[in-house]
Amino acid sequence: MTRKIIIDTDPAMGTKGGDPEDCFAIMLAMNSPELEILGITTVQGNVPVERGFSNAKYLVKEFDKDIPVHTGAPGAYDLERNEKRKWLGERKEMEQLTPMLKPEEDELSAPSFIAETCVEHSGDIELVTIGPLTNVAKALDEEPDLSKHIKKITMMAGAAKVPGNVTPAAEFNVWADPESASKVFGAGIDFTLVPLDVCHKTRFSRDQLKSIGENPHPFCQFVNESVEPWLKINPNHNIIDQGLHLYDSLAMALCFAPELAEFKKAYVTVETKGQYTDGETVCEFNESIMGQIFKPKHNAEVALDIDVEGFNKLFEERVLNYLINL
């Protein structure tokens, strides 16, 4: 039985200097018979939202898929936060490899598409969110009963027991729009959190990129040209030698292959006011003193360990080998 999903993403493959890994996750989904992709929605994250929309449209076209792509608006959910994060949408110096496209005038926005599709397929839709949660938060505003219609969310977000990657406290997707994360975490929707704790156990190596680049197929050359700059400019110095973390591809895999991970139930919230901890994902496993006293009801399953070999095999079969053999 296939799972009906909507992918909410900030894809940068096609924008030099952005994290291109979302598109590997989308490729994994496209090559997985366990999944039926009802749509892709784009959100402002590691690239401006209009670039992410263009990149997603290009990928769907290259894979010859009939998958609708809908864009969210620039900016964050909260107006004050939007002012603080507006620079995320102003990086005009980034070189664009894919054609810049605009949505049709009468096209649904990403939040509207999420709300309407989930209501239409009530109880059958799973969201896979691999960017900030802005679109989902806005969809909850548009459809107050939306939480009753979404079966589950699998999200690449947060850091449970390890430091963040954009600040010592915060992981990027939550840090970029913590108010939206707070709204979604508290909406009563079952969700699986795929945090940095497990994402940092994955790698996409330079040798793997080289094997893709050795294929003269135009799309493989596009992948190579898109990924190479991120390996060079990423501030995580370990990436230079060890390669990229496959954050979003892992979340996508765990959507349909949860047996690859070990999960623990937790009550998950997010810090939105801290001077030094803004965007921190707080996971209460009822192990702290206050957790044992108040025992907050769990709202999530958090991935804390993964079968690295099993995930690597899946990624190799459905993404790497696909590209090498184009």
Protein backbone atom coordinates (compact mmCIF):
# COMPACT_ATOMS: atom_id res chain seq x y z
CA MET A 1 0.00 0.00 0.00
CA THR A 2 1.48 3.33 -1.04
CA ARG A 3 1.63 6.33 1.27
CA LYS A 4 0.17 9.57 -0.06
CA ILE A 5 2.55 12.41 0.77
CA ILE A 6 3.09 16.11 0.24
CA ILE A 7 6.74 17.23 0.35
CA ASP A 8 7.31 20.67 1.88
CA THR A 9 10.82 21.78 1.04
CA ASP A 10 13.37 24.55 0.42
CA PRO A 11 15.26 22.96 -2.50
CA ALA A 12 18.53 24.63 -3.51
CA MET A 13 19.85 22.25 -6.15
CA GLY A 14 20.04 24.71 -9.02
CA THR A 15 21.16 27.65 -6.90
CA LYS A 16 24.90 27.74 -6.38
CA GLY A 17 25.86 28.15 -2.75
CA GLY A 18 22.61 26.74 -1.33
CA ASP A 19 22.31 23.36 0.39
CA PRO A 20 21.32 21.04 -2.49
CA GLU A 21 20.40 18.04 -0.38
CA ASP A 22 16.61 18.54 -0.41
CA CYS A 23 16.62 17.49 -4.04
CA PHE A 24 18.31 14.20 -3.24
CA ALA A 25 15.42 13.58 -0.83
CA ILE A 26 12.90 14.40 -3.57
CA MET A 27 14.72 12.07 -5.98
CA LEU A 28 14.56 9.34 -3.33
CA ALA A 29 10.81 9.88 -3.02
CA MET A 30 10.32 9.84 -6.80
CA ASN A 31 12.17 6.52 -7.04
CA SER A 32 10.34 4.88 -4.12
CA PRO A 33 7.26 2.80 -5.05
CA GLU A 34 6.10 3.02 -1.43
CA LEU A 35 5.22 6.70 -1.99
CA GLU A 36 2.66 8.59 -4.04
CA ILE A 37 3.66 12.25 -4.19
CA LEU A 38 0.51 14.39 -4.41
CA GLY A 39 2.44 17.63 -4.51
CA ILE A 40 5.57 19.57 -3.66
CA THR A 41 5.35 22.86 -1.78
CA THR A 42 8.25 25.24 -1.42
CA VAL A 43 9.14 27.39 1.57
CA GLN A 44 11.74 30.05 2.23
CA GLY A 45 14.70 28.43 3.91
CA ASN A 46 18.25 27.96 2.76
CA VAL A 47 17.38 29.74 -0.52
CA PRO A 48 14.80 32.46 -1.29
CA VAL A 49 11.41 30.87 -1.87
CA GLU A 50 11.15 31.88 -5.55
CA ARG A 51 14.43 30.09 -6.24
CA GLY A 52 13.26 26.99 -4.42
CA PHE A 53 10.05 27.00 -6.49
CA SER A 54 12.06 27.21 -9.72
CA ASN A 55 14.41 24.45 -8.61
CA ALA A 56 11.54 22.13 -7.67
CA LYS A 57 9.78 22.75 -11.00
CA TYR A 58 13.00 21.97 -12.85
CA LEU A 59 13.49 18.71 -10.96
CA VAL A 60 9.92 17.55 -11.63
CA LYS A 61 10.36 18.34 -15.32
CA GLU A 62 13.69 16.51 -15.55
CA PHE A 63 12.18 13.42 -13.91
CA ASP A 64 9.16 13.66 -16.26
CA LYS A 65 6.73 13.52 -13.33
CA ASP A 66 3.20 14.89 -13.19
CA ILE A 67 3.54 16.42 -9.72
CA PRO A 68 2.11 19.86 -8.93
CA VAL A 69 4.49 22.38 -7.36
CA HIS A 70 3.13 25.25 -5.25
CA THR A 71 5.07 28.06 -3.62
CA GLY A 72 4.68 29.74 -0.29
CA ALA A 73 5.20 33.44 0.30
CA PRO A 74 8.59 34.93 1.20
CA GLY A 75 9.33 35.38 4.86
CA ALA A 76 8.56 33.79 8.19
CA TYR A 77 5.23 33.17 9.96
CA ASP A 78 5.59 35.92 12.58
CA LEU A 79 5.95 39.54 11.40
CA GLU A 80 8.64 40.35 13.95
CA ARG A 81 10.54 37.21 13.04
CA ASN A 82 10.11 38.03 9.38
CA GLU A 83 11.97 41.30 9.93
CA LYS A 84 14.81 39.47 11.69
CA ARG A 85 15.10 36.81 8.98
CA LYS A 86 14.38 38.89 5.86
CA TRP A 87 17.98 38.51 4.72
CA LEU A 88 17.18 34.85 3.95
CA GLY A 89 15.14 36.08 0.98
CA GLU A 90 17.55 38.74 -0.22
CA ARG A 91 20.58 36.76 -1.40
CA LYS A 92 20.60 38.03 -4.97
CA GLU A 93 24.29 37.27 -5.43
CA MET A 94 23.64 33.52 -5.63
CA GLU A 95 24.13 32.19 -9.16
CA GLN A 96 21.04 30.47 -10.54
CA LEU A 97 21.41 27.41 -12.78
CA THR A 98 17.73 26.64 -13.34
CA PRO A 99 15.33 28.98 -15.16
CA MET A 100 13.53 31.37 -12.82
CA LEU A 101 9.81 30.67 -12.97
CA LYS A 102 6.73 32.32 -11.51
CA PRO A 103 3.52 30.56 -10.48
CA GLU A 104 0.39 31.10 -12.53
CA GLU A 105 -1.77 33.97 -11.29
CA ASP A 106 -4.64 31.68 -10.25
CA GLU A 107 -2.39 28.99 -8.77
CA LEU A 108 -2.99 27.93 -5.18
CA SER A 109 -0.45 29.06 -2.61
CA ALA A 110 1.49 26.34 -0.80
CA PRO A 111 -0.54 26.68 2.45
CA SER A 112 -3.83 26.57 0.50
CA PHE A 113 -2.69 23.50 -1.45
CA ILE A 114 -1.70 21.72 1.76
CA ALA A 115 -5.00 22.58 3.46
CA GLU A 116 -7.24 21.68 0.53
CA THR A 117 -5.42 18.46 -0.38
CA CYS A 118 -5.37 17.19 3.20
CA VAL A 119 -9.09 17.86 3.60
CA GLU A 120 -9.83 16.18 0.26
CA HIS A 121 -7.84 13.08 1.29
CA SER A 122 -8.75 13.30 4.96
CA GLY A 123 -6.80 10.87 7.12
CA ASP A 124 -4.67 9.58 4.25
CA ILE A 125 -2.09 12.35 3.81
CA GLU A 126 1.34 12.41 5.37
CA LEU A 127 3.49 15.52 5.17
CA VAL A 128 7.24 15.21 4.80
CA THR A 129 8.69 18.57 5.83
CA ILE A 130 12.36 19.14 5.05
CA GLY A 131 12.49 22.91 5.44
CA PRO A 132 11.12 25.50 7.87
CA LEU A 133 7.49 24.87 8.87
CA THR A 134 6.06 28.20 7.66
CA ASN A 135 3.70 26.73 5.06
CA VAL A 136 2.25 24.18 7.46
CA ALA A 137 1.67 26.82 10.15
CA LYS A 138 -0.15 29.04 7.64
CA ALA A 139 -2.18 26.07 6.41
CA LEU A 140 -3.32 25.50 10.00
CA ASP A 141 -4.57 29.09 10.03
CA GLU A 142 -6.46 28.62 6.76
CA GLU A 143 -8.13 25.40 7.88
CA PRO A 144 -8.72 25.37 11.66
CA ASP A 145 -9.59 21.65 11.64
CA LEU A 146 -6.57 20.70 9.53
CA SER A 147 -4.96 18.73 12.34
CA LYS A 148 -7.85 16.25 12.11
CA HIS A 149 -7.17 15.60 8.44
CA ILE A 150 -3.37 15.09 8.44
CA LYS A 151 -2.40 11.52 9.18
CA LYS A 152 1.17 12.30 10.21
CA ILE A 153 4.14 14.60 9.68
CA THR A 154 7.69 13.35 9.27
CA MET A 155 9.97 16.34 9.72
CA MET A 156 13.68 17.00 9.46
CA ALA A 157 13.91 19.42 12.34
CA GLY A 158 15.64 20.16 15.58
CA ALA A 159 18.33 18.71 17.76
CA ALA A 160 17.21 16.46 20.61
CA LYS A 161 20.34 15.69 22.63
CA VAL A 162 23.11 17.28 20.55
CA PRO A 163 24.06 20.91 19.78
CA GLY A 164 22.43 22.83 16.96
CA ASN A 165 24.08 23.55 13.63
CA VAL A 166 23.19 27.21 13.05
CA THR A 167 23.71 28.22 16.71
CA PRO A 168 24.88 26.11 19.65
CA ALA A 169 21.21 25.66 20.56
CA ALA A 170 19.29 25.57 17.28
CA GLU A 171 19.00 23.51 14.11
CA PHE A 172 18.44 25.55 10.93
CA ASN A 173 14.90 24.55 9.94
CA VAL A 174 13.53 25.43 13.38
CA TRP A 175 15.78 28.46 13.87
CA ALA A 176 14.62 29.96 10.56
CA ASP A 177 11.00 30.11 11.76
CA PRO A 178 10.56 28.99 15.38
CA GLU A 179 7.05 30.44 15.68
CA SER A 180 5.80 28.20 12.90
CA ALA A 181 7.53 25.21 14.49
CA SER A 182 5.90 26.01 17.82
CA LYS A 183 2.47 26.18 16.19
CA VAL A 184 2.91 22.89 14.34
CA PHE A 185 4.38 21.05 17.34
CA GLY A 186 1.38 22.09 19.40
CA ALA A 187 -1.31 21.39 16.79
CA GLY A 188 -2.13 17.87 17.96
CA ILE A 189 -0.82 16.19 14.80
CA ASP A 190 1.17 12.99 15.19
CA PHE A 191 4.72 13.73 14.12
CA THR A 192 8.07 12.06 13.83
CA LEU A 193 11.08 14.25 14.51
CA VAL A 194 14.26 13.43 12.57
CA PRO A 195 16.83 15.60 14.37
CA LEU A 196 20.53 16.31 13.97
CA ASP A 197 21.23 13.46 16.39
CA VAL A 198 20.65 10.94 13.60
CA CYS A 199 21.18 13.13 10.54
CA HIS A 200 24.82 13.65 11.46
CA LYS A 201 25.38 9.91 11.15
CA THR A 202 24.80 10.08 7.39
CA ARG A 203 27.24 11.13 4.65
CA PHE A 204 27.28 11.84 0.95
CA SER A 205 30.95 11.70 0.01
CA ARG A 206 33.07 13.51 -2.53
CA ASP A 207 33.71 10.15 -4.20
CA GLN A 208 29.97 9.67 -4.66
CA LEU A 209 29.65 13.12 -6.20
CA LYS A 210 32.61 12.31 -8.45
CA SER A 211 30.88 9.13 -9.64
CA ILE A 212 27.83 11.19 -10.62
CA GLY A 213 29.97 13.82 -12.33
CA GLU A 214 31.71 11.17 -14.43
CA ASN A 215 28.39 10.48 -16.16
CA PRO A 216 28.16 12.90 -19.12
CA HIS A 217 24.35 12.98 -18.93
CA PRO A 218 23.27 16.66 -18.71
CA PHE A 219 21.29 16.12 -15.51
CA CYS A 220 24.29 14.49 -13.81
CA GLN A 221 26.41 17.44 -14.83
CA PHE A 222 23.76 19.72 -13.36
CA VAL A 223 23.84 17.79 -10.06
CA ASN A 224 27.62 17.98 -9.94
CA GLU A 225 27.64 21.72 -10.69
CA SER A 226 25.01 22.34 -8.02
CA VAL A 227 26.58 20.28 -5.23
CA GLU A 228 30.25 21.15 -5.66
CA PRO A 229 29.97 24.79 -4.45
CA TRP A 230 28.23 23.70 -1.22
CA LEU A 231 31.10 21.37 -0.43
CA LYS A 232 33.49 24.29 -0.79
CA ILE A 233 31.68 27.06 1.09
CA ASN A 234 29.90 25.15 3.85
CA PRO A 235 31.16 26.42 7.22
CA ASN A 236 31.24 22.88 8.60
CA HIS A 237 34.91 22.11 7.91
CA ASN A 238 34.38 18.35 8.20
CA ILE A 239 32.29 18.47 5.02
CA ILE A 240 35.37 19.26 2.95
CA ASP A 241 36.88 15.85 3.69
CA GLN A 242 33.89 13.73 4.72
CA GLY A 243 31.07 15.02 2.51
CA LEU A 244 27.52 16.25 3.10
CA HIS A 245 25.08 15.05 5.71
CA LEU A 246 21.95 13.59 4.14
CA TYR A 247 19.52 15.31 6.52
CA ASP A 248 16.47 15.44 4.27
CA SER A 249 17.03 12.13 2.52
CA LEU A 250 17.08 10.42 5.91
CA ALA A 251 13.77 12.04 6.87
CA MET A 252 12.29 10.94 3.54
CA ALA A 253 13.52 7.38 4.06
CA LEU A 254 12.10 7.19 7.58
CA CYS A 255 8.71 8.25 6.24
CA PHE A 256 8.30 4.87 4.52
CA ALA A 257 11.03 2.77 6.17
CA PRO A 258 10.77 3.56 9.91
CA GLU A 259 12.45 0.26 10.70
CA LEU A 260 15.75 1.99 9.84
CA ALA A 261 15.59 4.00 13.08
CA GLU A 262 15.10 3.66 16.80
CA PHE A 263 12.55 6.13 18.20
CA LYS A 264 11.68 7.41 21.62
CA LYS A 265 8.50 9.23 22.60
CA ALA A 266 8.93 12.82 23.80
CA TYR A 267 7.10 16.06 24.44
CA VAL A 268 8.66 18.44 21.93
CA THR A 269 8.50 22.23 22.17
CA VAL A 270 10.57 25.10 20.79
CA GLU A 271 12.12 28.18 22.39
CA THR A 272 10.95 31.39 20.72
CA LYS A 273 12.08 34.06 23.22
CA GLY A 274 15.57 33.12 24.37
CA GLN A 275 18.38 35.56 23.69
CA TYR A 276 20.89 32.76 23.17
CA THR A 277 18.56 29.78 22.70
CA ASP A 278 16.12 31.13 20.10
CA GLY A 279 14.93 28.25 17.95
CA GLU A 280 16.10 25.53 20.33
CA THR A 281 14.08 22.33 20.10
CA VAL A 282 13.35 21.10 23.63
CA CYS A 283 12.64 17.38 23.87
CA GLU A 284 11.30 16.17 27.19
CA PHE A 285 11.59 12.40 27.45
CA ASN A 286 10.29 12.58 31.04
CA GLU A 287 13.86 11.96 32.18
CA SER A 288 14.61 15.36 33.74
CA ILE A 289 13.52 16.19 37.28
CA MET A 290 10.67 18.41 36.09
CA GLY A 291 9.74 15.88 33.43
CA GLN A 292 9.42 13.15 36.02
CA ILE A 293 7.32 15.39 38.24
CA PHE A 294 4.90 16.77 35.65
CA LYS A 295 5.16 13.98 33.05
CA PRO A 296 4.01 16.01 30.03
CA LYS A 297 2.08 13.98 27.47
CA HIS A 298 4.22 12.91 24.53
CA ASN A 299 3.42 14.57 21.20
CA ALA A 300 6.18 13.09 19.02
CA GLU A 301 8.41 10.18 18.26
CA VAL A 302 12.02 11.25 18.05
CA ALA A 303 14.62 9.32 16.04
CA LEU A 304 17.69 8.82 18.22
CA ASP A 305 19.59 6.12 16.36
CA ILE A 306 19.62 4.74 12.82
CA ASP A 307 20.78 1.76 10.83
CA VAL A 308 23.44 3.65 8.89
CA GLU A 309 24.29 0.71 6.64
CA GLY A 310 20.63 0.12 5.81
CA PHE A 311 20.05 3.76 4.97
CA ASN A 312 23.21 3.96 2.87
CA LYS A 313 22.10 0.93 0.87
CA LEU A 314 18.67 2.47 0.23
CA PHE A 315 20.16 5.80 -0.86
CA GLU A 316 22.69 4.10 -3.10
CA GLU A 317 20.06 1.94 -4.81
CA ARG A 318 17.46 4.64 -5.39
CA VAL A 319 19.47 7.83 -5.86
CA LEU A 320 23.15 7.24 -6.52
CA ASN A 321 22.79 4.25 -8.86
CA TYR A 322 19.90 5.93 -10.66
CA LEU A 323 22.05 8.96 -11.45
CA ILE A 324 25.15 6.97 -12.36
CA ASN A 325 23.13 4.89 -14.82
CA LEU A 326 21.18 7.67 -16.54
